[in-house]
PDB file of N, CA and C in Angstrom:
ATOM      1  N   GLN A   1      -7.062  16.831   5.437  1.00  0.00           N
ATOM      2  CA  GLN A   1      -6.787  16.599   4.027  1.00  0.00           C
ATOM      3  C   GLN A   1      -5.831  15.420   3.879  1.00  0.00           C
ATOM      4  N   VAL A   2      -5.674  14.967   2.644  1.00  0.00           N
ATOM      5  CA  VAL A   2      -4.792  13.842   2.366  1.00  0.00           C
ATOM      6  C   VAL A   2      -3.351  14.228   2.679  1.00  0.00           C
ATOM      7  N   LEU A   3      -2.708  13.378   3.482  1.00  0.00           N
ATOM      8  CA  LEU A   3      -1.288  13.556   3.765  1.00  0.00           C
ATOM      9  C   LEU A   3      -0.585  12.230   3.535  1.00  0.00           C
ATOM     10  N   LEU A   4       0.399  12.254   2.650  1.00  0.00           N
ATOM     11  CA  LEU A   4       1.160  11.056   2.314  1.00  0.00           C
ATOM     12  C   LEU A   4       2.641  11.367   2.442  1.00  0.00           C
ATOM     13  N   VAL A   5       3.358  10.533   3.178  1.00  0.00           N
ATOM     14  CA  VAL A   5       4.782  10.752   3.404  1.00  0.00           C
ATOM     15  C   VAL A   5       5.542   9.503   3.012  1.00  0.00           C
ATOM     16  N   GLU A   6       6.322   9.628   1.939  1.00  0.00           N
ATOM     17  CA  GLU A   6       7.116   8.511   1.443  1.00  0.00           C
ATOM     18  C   GLU A   6       8.486   8.475   2.111  1.00  0.00           C
ATOM     19  N   SER A   7       9.031   7.267   2.267  1.00  0.00           N
ATOM     20  CA  SER A   7      10.362   7.106   2.849  1.00  0.00           C
ATOM     21  C   SER A   7      10.982   5.815   2.337  1.00  0.00           C
ATOM     22  N   GLY A   8      12.277   5.661   2.586  1.00  0.00           N
ATOM     23  CA  GLY A   8      12.951   4.418   2.249  1.00  0.00           C
ATOM     24  C   GLY A   8      13.839   4.475   1.024  1.00  0.00           C
ATOM     25  N   GLY A   9      13.848   5.599   0.339  1.00  0.00           N
ATOM     26  CA  GLY A   9      14.697   5.711  -0.838  1.00  0.00           C
ATOM     27  C   GLY A   9      16.173   5.784  -0.473  1.00  0.00           C
ATOM     28  N   GLY A  10      17.014   5.727  -1.487  1.00  0.00           N
ATOM     29  CA  GLY A  10      18.441   5.810  -1.256  1.00  0.00           C
ATOM     30  C   GLY A  10      19.224   5.392  -2.478  1.00  0.00           C
ATOM     31  N   LEU A  11      20.519   5.200  -2.279  1.00  0.00           N
ATOM     32  CA  LEU A  11      21.428   4.781  -3.344  1.00  0.00           C
ATOM     33  C   LEU A  11      21.675   3.285  -3.216  1.00  0.00           C
ATOM     34  N   VAL A  12      21.496   2.578  -4.323  1.00  0.00           N
ATOM     35  CA  VAL A  12      21.680   1.133  -4.321  1.00  0.00           C
ATOM     36  C   VAL A  12      22.362   0.722  -5.625  1.00  0.00           C
ATOM     37  N   GLN A  13      23.133  -0.338  -5.560  1.00  0.00           N
ATOM     38  CA  GLN A  13      23.793  -0.830  -6.765  1.00  0.00           C
ATOM     39  C   GLN A  13      22.808  -1.626  -7.618  1.00  0.00           C
ATOM     40  N   SER A  14      23.088  -1.674  -8.886  1.00  0.00           N
ATOM     41  CA  SER A  14      22.272  -2.458  -9.804  1.00  0.00           C
ATOM     42  C   SER A  14      22.193  -3.908  -9.315  1.00  0.00           C
ATOM     43  N   GLY A  15      20.978  -4.435  -9.328  1.00  0.00           N
ATOM     44  CA  GLY A  15      20.745  -5.783  -8.816  1.00  0.00           C
ATOM     45  C   GLY A  15      20.298  -5.824  -7.373  1.00  0.00           C
ATOM     46  N   GLY A  16      20.380  -4.681  -6.701  1.00  0.00           N
ATOM     47  CA  GLY A  16      20.031  -4.610  -5.290  1.00  0.00           C
ATOM     48  C   GLY A  16      18.546  -4.438  -5.048  1.00  0.00           C
ATOM     49  N   SER A  17      18.207  -4.261  -3.766  1.00  0.00           N
ATOM     50  CA  SER A  17      16.811  -4.158  -3.353  1.00  0.00           C
ATOM     51  C   SER A  17      16.609  -2.966  -2.420  1.00  0.00           C
ATOM     52  N   LEU A  18      15.404  -2.455  -2.415  1.00  0.00           N
ATOM     53  CA  LEU A  18      14.986  -1.419  -1.484  1.00  0.00           C
ATOM     54  C   LEU A  18      13.522  -1.631  -1.151  1.00  0.00           C
ATOM     55  N   ARG A  19      13.133  -1.147   0.028  1.00  0.00           N
ATOM     56  CA  ARG A  19      11.724  -1.193   0.407  1.00  0.00           C
ATOM     57  C   ARG A  19      11.276   0.228   0.723  1.00  0.00           C
ATOM     58  N   LEU A  20      10.285   0.675  -0.014  1.00  0.00           N
ATOM     59  CA  LEU A  20       9.717   1.995   0.207  1.00  0.00           C
ATOM     60  C   LEU A  20       8.469   1.889   1.079  1.00  0.00           C
ATOM     61  N   SER A  21       8.246   2.921   1.869  1.00  0.00           N
ATOM     62  CA  SER A  21       7.042   2.989   2.693  1.00  0.00           C
ATOM     63  C   SER A  21       6.335   4.308   2.468  1.00  0.00           C
ATOM     64  N   CYS A  22       5.043   4.297   2.742  1.00  0.00           N
ATOM     65  CA  CYS A  22       4.228   5.507   2.618  1.00  0.00           C
ATOM     66  C   CYS A  22       3.275   5.543   3.805  1.00  0.00           C
ATOM     67  N   ALA A  23       3.399   6.571   4.618  1.00  0.00           N
ATOM     68  CA  ALA A  23       2.495   6.760   5.753  1.00  0.00           C
ATOM     69  C   ALA A  23       1.348   7.656   5.317  1.00  0.00           C
ATOM     70  N   ALA A  24       0.124   7.181   5.534  1.00  0.00           N
ATOM     71  CA  ALA A  24      -1.055   7.890   5.046  1.00  0.00           C
ATOM     72  C   ALA A  24      -1.921   8.379   6.202  1.00  0.00           C
ATOM     73  N   SER A  25      -2.509   9.545   6.026  1.00  0.00           N
ATOM     74  CA  SER A  25      -3.458  10.075   7.010  1.00  0.00           C
ATOM     75  C   SER A  25      -4.385  11.074   6.338  1.00  0.00           C
ATOM     76  N   GLY A  26      -5.502  11.379   7.026  1.00  0.00           N
ATOM     77  CA  GLY A  26      -6.409  12.401   6.539  1.00  0.00           C
ATOM     78  C   GLY A  26      -7.491  11.919   5.598  1.00  0.00           C
ATOM     79  N   PHE A  27      -7.565  10.622   5.355  1.00  0.00           N
ATOM     80  CA  PHE A  27      -8.590  10.059   4.483  1.00  0.00           C
ATOM     81  C   PHE A  27      -8.768   8.589   4.853  1.00  0.00           C
ATOM     82  N   PRO A  28      -9.856   7.953   4.371  1.00  0.00           N
ATOM     83  CA  PRO A  28     -10.124   6.558   4.732  1.00  0.00           C
ATOM     84  C   PRO A  28      -9.215   5.590   3.978  1.00  0.00           C
ATOM     85  N   PHE A  29      -8.011   5.427   4.474  1.00  0.00           N
ATOM     86  CA  PHE A  29      -6.989   4.619   3.795  1.00  0.00           C
ATOM     87  C   PHE A  29      -7.481   3.209   3.486  1.00  0.00           C
ATOM     88  N   SER A  30      -8.113   2.570   4.441  1.00  0.00           N
ATOM     89  CA  SER A  30      -8.457   1.155   4.281  1.00  0.00           C
ATOM     90  C   SER A  30      -9.469   0.919   3.156  1.00  0.00           C
ATOM     91  N   SER A  31     -10.188   1.939   2.751  1.00  0.00           N
ATOM     92  CA  SER A  31     -11.172   1.794   1.682  1.00  0.00           C
ATOM     93  C   SER A  31     -10.742   2.499   0.389  1.00  0.00           C
ATOM     94  N   SER A  32      -9.469   2.842   0.309  1.00  0.00           N
ATOM     95  CA  SER A  32      -8.962   3.591  -0.844  1.00  0.00           C
ATOM     96  C   SER A  32      -8.006   2.758  -1.687  1.00  0.00           C
ATOM     97  N   ASP A  33      -8.171   2.854  -3.006  1.00  0.00           N
ATOM     98  CA  ASP A  33      -7.135   2.365  -3.904  1.00  0.00           C
ATOM     99  C   ASP A  33      -5.880   3.204  -3.684  1.00  0.00           C
ATOM    100  N   MET A  34      -4.721   2.548  -3.690  1.00  0.00           N
ATOM    101  CA  MET A  34      -3.468   3.271  -3.500  1.00  0.00           C
ATOM    102  C   MET A  34      -2.520   2.953  -4.645  1.00  0.00           C
ATOM    103  N   THR A  35      -1.753   3.946  -5.015  1.00  0.00           N
ATOM    104  CA  THR A  35      -0.904   3.845  -6.202  1.00  0.00           C
ATOM    105  C   THR A  35       0.512   4.313  -5.897  1.00  0.00           C
ATOM    106  N   TRP A  36       1.470   3.629  -6.469  1.00  0.00           N
ATOM    107  CA  TRP A  36       2.858   4.113  -6.519  1.00  0.00           C
ATOM    108  C   TRP A  36       3.112   4.619  -7.945  1.00  0.00           C
ATOM    109  N   LEU A  37       3.726   5.772  -8.022  1.00  0.00           N
ATOM    110  CA  LEU A  37       4.163   6.331  -9.295  1.00  0.00           C
ATOM    111  C   LEU A  37       5.619   6.749  -9.150  1.00  0.00           C
ATOM    112  N   ARG A  38       6.259   7.034 -10.279  1.00  0.00           N
ATOM    113  CA  ARG A  38       7.639   7.498 -10.221  1.00  0.00           C
ATOM    114  C   ARG A  38       7.896   8.511 -11.341  1.00  0.00           C
ATOM    115  N   GLN A  39       8.902   9.313 -11.106  1.00  0.00           N
ATOM    116  CA  GLN A  39       9.300  10.300 -12.109  1.00  0.00           C
ATOM    117  C   GLN A  39      10.815  10.274 -12.243  1.00  0.00           C
ATOM    118  N   ALA A  40      11.273   9.788 -13.371  1.00  0.00           N
ATOM    119  CA  ALA A  40      12.700   9.745 -13.649  1.00  0.00           C
ATOM    120  C   ALA A  40      13.188  11.133 -14.066  1.00  0.00           C
ATOM    121  N   PRO A  41      14.473  11.387 -13.928  1.00  0.00           N
ATOM    122  CA  PRO A  41      15.010  12.707 -14.302  1.00  0.00           C
ATOM    123  C   PRO A  41      14.642  13.077 -15.728  1.00  0.00           C
ATOM    124  N   GLY A  42      14.033  14.227 -15.904  1.00  0.00           N
ATOM    125  CA  GLY A  42      13.689  14.720 -17.227  1.00  0.00           C
ATOM    126  C   GLY A  42      12.493  14.064 -17.878  1.00  0.00           C
ATOM    127  N   LYS A  43      11.776  13.225 -17.123  1.00  0.00           N
ATOM    128  CA  LYS A  43      10.639  12.517 -17.702  1.00  0.00           C
ATOM    129  C   LYS A  43       9.366  12.813 -16.913  1.00  0.00           C
ATOM    130  N   GLY A  44       8.246  12.372 -17.453  1.00  0.00           N
ATOM    131  CA  GLY A  44       6.967  12.598 -16.807  1.00  0.00           C
ATOM    132  C   GLY A  44       6.664  11.563 -15.738  1.00  0.00           C
ATOM    133  N   LEU A  45       5.545  11.758 -15.075  1.00  0.00           N
ATOM    134  CA  LEU A  45       5.107  10.850 -14.023  1.00  0.00           C
ATOM    135  C   LEU A  45       4.665   9.532 -14.652  1.00  0.00           C
ATOM    136  N   GLU A  46       5.100   8.424 -14.052  1.00  0.00           N
ATOM    137  CA  GLU A  46       4.838   7.101 -14.618  1.00  0.00           C
ATOM    138  C   GLU A  46       4.193   6.190 -13.583  1.00  0.00           C
ATOM    139  N   PHE A  47       3.147   5.487 -13.963  1.00  0.00           N
ATOM    140  CA  PHE A  47       2.502   4.505 -13.095  1.00  0.00           C
ATOM    141  C   PHE A  47       3.468   3.361 -12.802  1.00  0.00           C
ATOM    142  N   VAL A  48       3.501   2.930 -11.549  1.00  0.00           N
ATOM    143  CA  VAL A  48       4.318   1.791 -11.144  1.00  0.00           C
ATOM    144  C   VAL A  48       3.446   0.624 -10.701  1.00  0.00           C
ATOM    145  N   SER A  49       2.544   0.878  -9.748  1.00  0.00           N
ATOM    146  CA  SER A  49       1.739  -0.199  -9.207  1.00  0.00           C
ATOM    147  C   SER A  49       0.544   0.361  -8.462  1.00  0.00           C
ATOM    148  N   ASN A  50      -0.473  -0.475  -8.342  1.00  0.00           N
ATOM    149  CA  ASN A  50      -1.702  -0.089  -7.666  1.00  0.00           C
ATOM    150  C   ASN A  50      -2.193  -1.258  -6.825  1.00  0.00           C
ATOM    151  N   ILE A  51      -2.841  -0.942  -5.706  1.00  0.00           N
ATOM    152  CA  ILE A  51      -3.442  -1.982  -4.871  1.00  0.00           C
ATOM    153  C   ILE A  51      -4.820  -1.528  -4.423  1.00  0.00           C
ATOM    154  N   SER A  52      -5.778  -2.424  -4.513  1.00  0.00           N
ATOM    155  CA  SER A  52      -7.143  -2.115  -4.105  1.00  0.00           C
ATOM    156  C   SER A  52      -7.286  -2.285  -2.591  1.00  0.00           C
ATOM    157  N   PRO A  53      -8.390  -1.835  -2.037  1.00  0.00           N
ATOM    158  CA  PRO A  53      -8.594  -2.028  -0.601  1.00  0.00           C
ATOM    159  C   PRO A  53      -8.533  -3.497  -0.195  1.00  0.00           C
ATOM    160  N   GLY A  54      -8.958  -4.360  -1.086  1.00  0.00           N
ATOM    161  CA  GLY A  54      -8.962  -5.788  -0.788  1.00  0.00           C
ATOM    162  C   GLY A  54      -7.668  -6.503  -1.110  1.00  0.00           C
ATOM    163  N   GLY A  55      -6.704  -5.769  -1.693  1.00  0.00           N
ATOM    164  CA  GLY A  55      -5.398  -6.358  -1.955  1.00  0.00           C
ATOM    165  C   GLY A  55      -5.153  -6.789  -3.387  1.00  0.00           C
ATOM    166  N   ASP A  56      -6.069  -6.510  -4.298  1.00  0.00           N
ATOM    167  CA  ASP A  56      -5.810  -6.793  -5.707  1.00  0.00           C
ATOM    168  C   ASP A  56      -4.752  -5.830  -6.225  1.00  0.00           C
ATOM    169  N   THR A  57      -3.809  -6.364  -7.002  1.00  0.00           N
ATOM    170  CA  THR A  57      -2.668  -5.553  -7.428  1.00  0.00           C
ATOM    171  C   THR A  57      -2.519  -5.500  -8.949  1.00  0.00           C
ATOM    172  N   THR A  58      -1.959  -4.402  -9.432  1.00  0.00           N
ATOM    173  CA  THR A  58      -1.559  -4.270 -10.829  1.00  0.00           C
ATOM    174  C   THR A  58      -0.176  -3.645 -10.856  1.00  0.00           C
ATOM    175  N   TYR A  59       0.568  -3.949 -11.914  1.00  0.00           N
ATOM    176  CA  TYR A  59       1.939  -3.472 -12.050  1.00  0.00           C
ATOM    177  C   TYR A  59       2.196  -2.999 -13.472  1.00  0.00           C
ATOM    178  N   ALA A  60       3.068  -2.038 -13.590  1.00  0.00           N
ATOM    179  CA  ALA A  60       3.592  -1.663 -14.897  1.00  0.00           C
ATOM    180  C   ALA A  60       4.424  -2.823 -15.426  1.00  0.00           C
ATOM    181  N   THR A  61       4.419  -2.980 -16.729  1.00  0.00           N
ATOM    182  CA  THR A  61       5.168  -4.075 -17.343  1.00  0.00           C
ATOM    183  C   THR A  61       6.643  -4.028 -16.954  1.00  0.00           C
ATOM    184  N   SER A  62       7.177  -2.825 -16.838  1.00  0.00           N
ATOM    185  CA  SER A  62       8.605  -2.663 -16.566  1.00  0.00           C
ATOM    186  C   SER A  62       9.025  -3.136 -15.177  1.00  0.00           C
ATOM    187  N   VAL A  63       8.068  -3.273 -14.251  1.00  0.00           N
ATOM    188  CA  VAL A  63       8.434  -3.668 -12.886  1.00  0.00           C
ATOM    189  C   VAL A  63       7.816  -5.002 -12.478  1.00  0.00           C
ATOM    190  N   LYS A  64       6.946  -5.535 -13.304  1.00  0.00           N
ATOM    191  CA  LYS A  64       6.254  -6.775 -12.939  1.00  0.00           C
ATOM    192  C   LYS A  64       7.258  -7.897 -12.724  1.00  0.00           C
ATOM    193  N   GLY A  65       7.083  -8.618 -11.629  1.00  0.00           N
ATOM    194  CA  GLY A  65       8.005  -9.690 -11.299  1.00  0.00           C
ATOM    195  C   GLY A  65       9.184  -9.254 -10.462  1.00  0.00           C
ATOM    196  N   ARG A  66       9.402  -7.935 -10.360  1.00  0.00           N
ATOM    197  CA  ARG A  66      10.511  -7.413  -9.565  1.00  0.00           C
ATOM    198  C   ARG A  66      10.019  -6.612  -8.354  1.00  0.00           C
ATOM    199  N   PHE A  67       8.908  -5.931  -8.498  1.00  0.00           N
ATOM    200  CA  PHE A  67       8.356  -5.096  -7.427  1.00  0.00           C
ATOM    201  C   PHE A  67       7.114  -5.756  -6.853  1.00  0.00           C
ATOM    202  N   THR A  68       6.899  -5.539  -5.550  1.00  0.00           N
ATOM    203  CA  THR A  68       5.708  -6.044  -4.886  1.00  0.00           C
ATOM    204  C   THR A  68       5.100  -4.939  -4.032  1.00  0.00           C
ATOM    205  N   ILE A  69       3.849  -4.630  -4.316  1.00  0.00           N
ATOM    206  CA  ILE A  69       3.125  -3.630  -3.541  1.00  0.00           C
ATOM    207  C   ILE A  69       2.341  -4.337  -2.441  1.00  0.00           C
ATOM    208  N   SER A  70       2.241  -3.684  -1.293  1.00  0.00           N
ATOM    209  CA  SER A  70       1.451  -4.246  -0.198  1.00  0.00           C
ATOM    210  C   SER A  70       0.923  -3.113   0.673  1.00  0.00           C
ATOM    211  N   ARG A  71      -0.017  -3.451   1.519  1.00  0.00           N
ATOM    212  CA  ARG A  71      -0.598  -2.451   2.398  1.00  0.00           C
ATOM    213  C   ARG A  71      -0.899  -3.051   3.756  1.00  0.00           C
ATOM    214  N   ASP A  72      -0.839  -2.205   4.769  1.00  0.00           N
ATOM    215  CA  ASP A  72      -1.231  -2.579   6.127  1.00  0.00           C
ATOM    216  C   ASP A  72      -2.330  -1.605   6.537  1.00  0.00           C
ATOM    217  N   ASN A  73      -3.557  -2.046   6.423  1.00  0.00           N
ATOM    218  CA  ASN A  73      -4.672  -1.153   6.715  1.00  0.00           C
ATOM    219  C   ASN A  73      -4.763  -0.786   8.195  1.00  0.00           C
ATOM    220  N   ALA A  74      -4.237  -1.636   9.055  1.00  0.00           N
ATOM    221  CA  ALA A  74      -4.249  -1.330  10.495  1.00  0.00           C
ATOM    222  C   ALA A  74      -3.291  -0.190  10.823  1.00  0.00           C
ATOM    223  N   LYS A  75      -2.232  -0.060  10.026  1.00  0.00           N
ATOM    224  CA  LYS A  75      -1.221   0.974  10.279  1.00  0.00           C
ATOM    225  C   LYS A  75      -1.279   2.113   9.268  1.00  0.00           C
ATOM    226  N   ASN A  76      -2.250   2.074   8.362  1.00  0.00           N
ATOM    227  CA  ASN A  76      -2.348   3.105   7.311  1.00  0.00           C
ATOM    228  C   ASN A  76      -1.024   3.275   6.565  1.00  0.00           C
ATOM    229  N   THR A  77      -0.454   2.159   6.169  1.00  0.00           N
ATOM    230  CA  THR A  77       0.850   2.176   5.521  1.00  0.00           C
ATOM    231  C   THR A  77       0.819   1.406   4.214  1.00  0.00           C
ATOM    232  N   LEU A  78       1.431   1.997   3.215  1.00  0.00           N
ATOM    233  CA  LEU A  78       1.598   1.381   1.905  1.00  0.00           C
ATOM    234  C   LEU A  78       3.083   1.098   1.717  1.00  0.00           C
ATOM    235  N   SER A  79       3.400  -0.027   1.093  1.00  0.00           N
ATOM    236  CA  SER A  79       4.805  -0.390   0.887  1.00  0.00           C
ATOM    237  C   SER A  79       5.064  -0.789  -0.558  1.00  0.00           C
ATOM    238  N   LEU A  80       6.325  -0.706  -0.948  1.00  0.00           N
ATOM    239  CA  LEU A  80       6.758  -1.181  -2.259  1.00  0.00           C
ATOM    240  C   LEU A  80       8.109  -1.855  -2.085  1.00  0.00           C
ATOM    241  N   GLN A  81       8.112  -3.169  -2.213  1.00  0.00           N
ATOM    242  CA  GLN A  81       9.362  -3.920  -2.160  1.00  0.00           C
ATOM    243  C   GLN A  81       9.916  -4.000  -3.572  1.00  0.00           C
ATOM    244  N   MET A  82      11.136  -3.506  -3.742  1.00  0.00           N
ATOM    245  CA  MET A  82      11.743  -3.450  -5.058  1.00  0.00           C
ATOM    246  C   MET A  82      12.983  -4.329  -5.074  1.00  0.00           C
ATOM    247  N   THR A  83      13.035  -5.255  -6.006  1.00  0.00           N
ATOM    248  CA  THR A  83      14.193  -6.146  -6.136  1.00  0.00           C
ATOM    249  C   THR A  83      14.754  -6.051  -7.547  1.00  0.00           C
ATOM    250  N   ARG A  84      15.926  -6.587  -7.717  1.00  0.00           N
ATOM    251  CA  ARG A  84      16.616  -6.599  -9.024  1.00  0.00           C
ATOM    252  C   ARG A  84      16.556  -5.218  -9.675  1.00  0.00           C
ATOM    253  N   LEU A  85      16.897  -4.220  -8.902  1.00  0.00           N
ATOM    254  CA  LEU A  85      16.855  -2.854  -9.403  1.00  0.00           C
ATOM    255  C   LEU A  85      17.905  -2.636 -10.490  1.00  0.00           C
ATOM    256  N   ASN A  86      17.569  -1.783 -11.432  1.00  0.00           N
ATOM    257  CA  ASN A  86      18.505  -1.425 -12.495  1.00  0.00           C
ATOM    258  C   ASN A  86      18.498   0.093 -12.651  1.00  0.00           C
ATOM    259  N   PRO A  87      19.483   0.638 -13.352  1.00  0.00           N
ATOM    260  CA  PRO A  87      19.578   2.105 -13.446  1.00  0.00           C
ATOM    261  C   PRO A  87      18.317   2.775 -14.003  1.00  0.00           C
ATOM    262  N   GLU A  88      17.545   2.046 -14.801  1.00  0.00           N
ATOM    263  CA  GLU A  88      16.318   2.625 -15.353  1.00  0.00           C
ATOM    264  C   GLU A  88      15.240   2.822 -14.281  1.00  0.00           C
ATOM    265  N   ASP A  89      15.452   2.248 -13.108  1.00  0.00           N
ATOM    266  CA  ASP A  89      14.511   2.442 -12.005  1.00  0.00           C
ATOM    267  C   ASP A  89      14.818   3.715 -11.202  1.00  0.00           C
ATOM    268  N   THR A  90      15.895   4.391 -11.541  1.00  0.00           N
ATOM    269  CA  THR A  90      16.239   5.635 -10.855  1.00  0.00           C
ATOM    270  C   THR A  90      15.143   6.670 -11.073  1.00  0.00           C
ATOM    271  N   ALA A  91      14.597   7.172  -9.970  1.00  0.00           N
ATOM    272  CA  ALA A  91      13.462   8.106 -10.053  1.00  0.00           C
ATOM    273  C   ALA A  91      13.092   8.573  -8.654  1.00  0.00           C
ATOM    274  N   VAL A  92      12.260   9.586  -8.607  1.00  0.00           N
ATOM    275  CA  VAL A  92      11.568   9.931  -7.371  1.00  0.00           C
ATOM    276  C   VAL A  92      10.279   9.119  -7.353  1.00  0.00           C
ATOM    277  N   TYR A  93      10.065   8.416  -6.258  1.00  0.00           N
ATOM    278  CA  TYR A  93       8.902   7.549  -6.122  1.00  0.00           C
ATOM    279  C   TYR A  93       7.873   8.213  -5.211  1.00  0.00           C
ATOM    280  N   TYR A  94       6.630   8.184  -5.667  1.00  0.00           N
ATOM    281  CA  TYR A  94       5.531   8.800  -4.945  1.00  0.00           C
ATOM    282  C   TYR A  94       4.428   7.785  -4.673  1.00  0.00           C
ATOM    283  N   CYS A  95       3.761   7.942  -3.549  1.00  0.00           N
ATOM    284  CA  CYS A  95       2.514   7.223  -3.342  1.00  0.00           C
ATOM    285  C   CYS A  95       1.364   8.220  -3.483  1.00  0.00           C
ATOM    286  N   ALA A  96       0.217   7.709  -3.873  1.00  0.00           N
ATOM    287  CA  ALA A  96      -0.930   8.570  -4.102  1.00  0.00           C
ATOM    288  C   ALA A  96      -2.213   7.826  -3.809  1.00  0.00           C
ATOM    289  N   ALA A  97      -3.229   8.589  -3.439  1.00  0.00           N
ATOM    290  CA  ALA A  97      -4.554   8.028  -3.188  1.00  0.00           C
ATOM    291  C   ALA A  97      -5.448   8.176  -4.413  1.00  0.00           C
ATOM    292  N   ASP A  98      -4.856   8.510  -5.543  1.00  0.00           N
ATOM    293  CA  ASP A  98      -5.574   8.573  -6.807  1.00  0.00           C
ATOM    294  C   ASP A  98      -4.644   8.047  -7.898  1.00  0.00           C
ATOM    295  N   PRO A  99      -5.181   7.558  -9.007  1.00  0.00           N
ATOM    296  CA  PRO A  99      -4.327   6.910 -10.017  1.00  0.00           C
ATOM    297  C   PRO A  99      -3.446   7.857 -10.804  1.00  0.00           C
ATOM    298  N   PHE A 100      -3.684   9.153 -10.707  1.00  0.00           N
ATOM    299  CA  PHE A 100      -2.916  10.087 -11.528  1.00  0.00           C
ATOM    300  C   PHE A 100      -1.877  10.865 -10.721  1.00  0.00           C
ATOM    301  N   GLY A 101      -1.864  10.625  -9.418  1.00  0.00           N
ATOM    302  CA  GLY A 101      -0.836  11.243  -8.595  1.00  0.00           C
ATOM    303  C   GLY A 101      -1.139  12.633  -8.109  1.00  0.00           C
ATOM    304  N   ALA A 102      -2.373  13.084  -8.260  1.00  0.00           N
ATOM    305  CA  ALA A 102      -2.701  14.441  -7.830  1.00  0.00           C
ATOM    306  C   ALA A 102      -2.528  14.614  -6.326  1.00  0.00           C
ATOM    307  N   SER A 103      -2.710  13.527  -5.583  1.00  0.00           N
ATOM    308  CA  SER A 103      -2.642  13.602  -4.119  1.00  0.00           C
ATOM    309  C   SER A 103      -1.293  13.177  -3.575  1.00  0.00           C
ATOM    310  N   ARG A 104      -0.301  12.995  -4.436  1.00  0.00           N
ATOM    311  CA  ARG A 104       0.979  12.419  -4.019  1.00  0.00           C
ATOM    312  C   ARG A 104       1.713  13.276  -3.012  1.00  0.00           C
ATOM    313  N   GLY A 105       2.593  12.598  -2.259  1.00  0.00           N
ATOM    314  CA  GLY A 105       3.430  13.308  -1.312  1.00  0.00           C
ATOM    315  C   GLY A 105       4.631  13.923  -1.983  1.00  0.00           C
ATOM    316  N   GLU A 106       5.674  14.201  -1.186  1.00  0.00           N
ATOM    317  CA  GLU A 106       6.867  14.850  -1.732  1.00  0.00           C
ATOM    318  C   GLU A 106       7.820  13.861  -2.380  1.00  0.00           C
ATOM    319  N   GLY A 107       7.595  12.577  -2.144  1.00  0.00           N
ATOM    320  CA  GLY A 107       8.382  11.565  -2.811  1.00  0.00           C
ATOM    321  C   GLY A 107       9.656  11.188  -2.084  1.00  0.00           C
ATOM    322  N   THR A 108      10.232  10.080  -2.533  1.00  0.00           N
ATOM    323  CA  THR A 108      11.518   9.618  -2.008  1.00  0.00           C
ATOM    324  C   THR A 108      12.379   9.203  -3.192  1.00  0.00           C
ATOM    325  N   LEU A 109      13.627   9.624  -3.180  1.00  0.00           N
ATOM    326  CA  LEU A 109      14.508   9.421  -4.324  1.00  0.00           C
ATOM    327  C   LEU A 109      15.188   8.059  -4.253  1.00  0.00           C
ATOM    328  N   VAL A 110      15.095   7.341  -5.349  1.00  0.00           N
ATOM    329  CA  VAL A 110      15.802   6.071  -5.511  1.00  0.00           C
ATOM    330  C   VAL A 110      16.828   6.241  -6.624  1.00  0.00           C
ATOM    331  N   THR A 111      18.077   5.971  -6.305  1.00  0.00           N
ATOM    332  CA  THR A 111      19.144   6.054  -7.294  1.00  0.00           C
ATOM    333  C   THR A 111      19.816   4.699  -7.400  1.00  0.00           C
ATOM    334  N   VAL A 112      19.830   4.167  -8.612  1.00  0.00           N
ATOM    335  CA  VAL A 112      20.439   2.861  -8.850  1.00  0.00           C
ATOM    336  C   VAL A 112      21.692   3.065  -9.691  1.00  0.00           C
ATOM    337  N   SER A 113      22.813   2.695  -9.143  1.00  0.00           N
ATOM    338  CA  SER A 113      24.088   2.859  -9.850  1.00  0.00           C
ATOM    339  C   SER A 113      24.420   1.588 -10.625  1.00  0.00           C
ATOM    340  N   SER A 114      25.075   1.803 -11.761  1.00  0.00           N
ATOM    341  CA  SER A 114      25.417   0.647 -12.611  1.00  0.00           C
ATOM    342  C   SER A 114      26.754   0.051 -12.213  1.00  0.00           C
TER     343      SER A 114
END
């Protein structure tokens, strides 16, 4: 079955950077669209970014220009490079093999202090 394990979260000051990773197994990663989503405290699940098998990317307006999604199909790994972080980016970040997050892992917490 689909197994996704997110890592790389932590506490960072406003303006800082973090790189999240997602290790994928149990499905054909290289031929799957992959998505990052996030859930801020007290809020619902929110789309962050998506990447196609061929590397086409989309971003939420709130992160465009600051976040970069990438994938390594040889290593079954999805990444999210986050720069110029602000407190509104504080959330649990999930990777998923579907656009709605049904297959998401347990997530990794990102906390941005002001």
